[in-house]
Amino acid sequence: MPEQVDYERLKRICLFSGMNDAELDVITKRVFEKQYKKGSMLFVEGMAGEVIYVVLEGGVDVSKKTKTGEEKLLAQ
């Protein structure tokens, strides 16, 4: 189950570092931290863009299946 992100931790993330306290207060009510297992799929092409992912630890590979069904790595 996702946990709400600590206010101070959120302020240390570059994406949110320029926000004032009122803006951060709004964000903290909508941001959650969740851990994923290695190899988990976070989203697929065509999926509605309803969330933003901020990677705090580890990394993410972005890949796409080609017309032939091959997996093509787009970014790491």
Protein backbone atom coordinates (compact mmCIF):
# COMPACT_ATOMS: atom_id res chain seq x y z
CA MET A 1 0.00 0.00 0.00
CA PRO A 2 1.41 3.44 -0.91
CA GLU A 3 2.52 5.69 1.92
CA GLN A 4 2.23 9.47 1.94
CA VAL A 5 5.57 11.19 1.33
CA ASP A 6 7.13 13.09 4.22
CA TYR A 7 7.03 16.88 3.68
CA GLU A 8 10.76 17.35 4.34
CA ARG A 9 11.70 14.51 1.98
CA LEU A 10 9.57 16.04 -0.76
CA LYS A 11 11.39 19.37 -0.42
CA ARG A 12 14.72 17.61 -1.13
CA ILE A 13 13.51 16.29 -4.52
CA CYS A 14 14.75 18.59 -7.31
CA LEU A 15 11.36 18.63 -9.06
CA PHE A 16 9.70 20.15 -5.98
CA SER A 17 12.59 22.13 -4.47
CA GLY A 18 11.49 25.52 -5.83
CA MET A 19 7.96 25.29 -4.43
CA ASN A 20 6.82 27.37 -1.49
CA ASP A 21 5.22 25.85 1.63
CA ALA A 22 1.64 26.40 0.40
CA GLU A 23 2.39 24.62 -2.90
CA LEU A 24 4.16 21.78 -1.12
CA ASP A 25 1.21 21.41 1.22
CA VAL A 26 -1.07 20.78 -1.78
CA ILE A 27 1.42 18.35 -3.33
CA THR A 28 1.98 16.32 -0.13
CA LYS A 29 -1.73 15.49 -0.04
CA ARG A 30 -1.51 13.96 -3.52
CA VAL A 31 1.92 12.31 -3.57
CA PHE A 32 2.56 8.78 -2.35
CA GLU A 33 5.67 6.67 -2.10
CA LYS A 34 5.54 3.09 -3.29
CA GLN A 35 8.23 0.47 -3.76
CA TYR A 36 8.25 -1.79 -6.81
CA LYS A 37 10.00 -5.11 -7.28
CA LYS A 38 12.73 -5.35 -9.92
CA GLY A 39 11.16 -6.15 -13.29
CA SER A 40 7.77 -4.61 -12.44
CA MET A 41 5.92 -2.88 -15.25
CA LEU A 42 4.81 0.61 -14.25
CA PHE A 43 2.86 1.54 -17.36
CA VAL A 44 2.30 0.51 -20.96
CA GLU A 45 2.07 2.46 -24.20
CA GLY A 46 -1.37 4.00 -24.65
CA MET A 47 -2.15 4.03 -20.92
CA ALA A 48 -3.75 7.26 -19.69
CA GLY A 49 -1.19 9.60 -18.10
CA GLU A 50 -2.77 9.90 -14.67
CA VAL A 51 0.36 9.74 -12.51
CA ILE A 52 3.96 10.90 -12.41
CA TYR A 53 6.77 8.64 -11.22
CA VAL A 54 9.76 10.08 -9.35
CA VAL A 55 12.52 7.51 -8.91
CA LEU A 56 14.16 7.90 -5.49
CA GLU A 57 16.30 4.76 -5.60
CA GLY A 58 17.22 2.32 -8.33
CA GLY A 59 16.45 2.88 -11.99
CA VAL A 60 13.91 2.46 -14.74
CA ASP A 61 14.23 1.04 -18.24
CA VAL A 62 11.87 2.35 -20.90
CA SER A 63 11.25 -0.13 -23.69
CA LYS A 64 8.84 -0.67 -26.55
CA LYS A 65 7.75 -3.73 -28.45
CA THR A 66 8.44 -3.48 -32.17
CA LYS A 67 6.04 -4.64 -34.88
CA THR A 68 7.87 -7.96 -34.91
CA GLY A 69 7.31 -8.39 -31.16
CA GLU A 70 10.91 -7.62 -30.23
CA GLU A 71 11.62 -5.57 -27.11
CA LYS A 72 13.57 -2.38 -27.98
CA LEU A 73 15.26 -0.47 -25.14
CA LEU A 74 14.56 3.27 -25.53
CA ALA A 75 16.11 4.66 -22.33
CA GLN A 76 17.80 3.55 -19.13
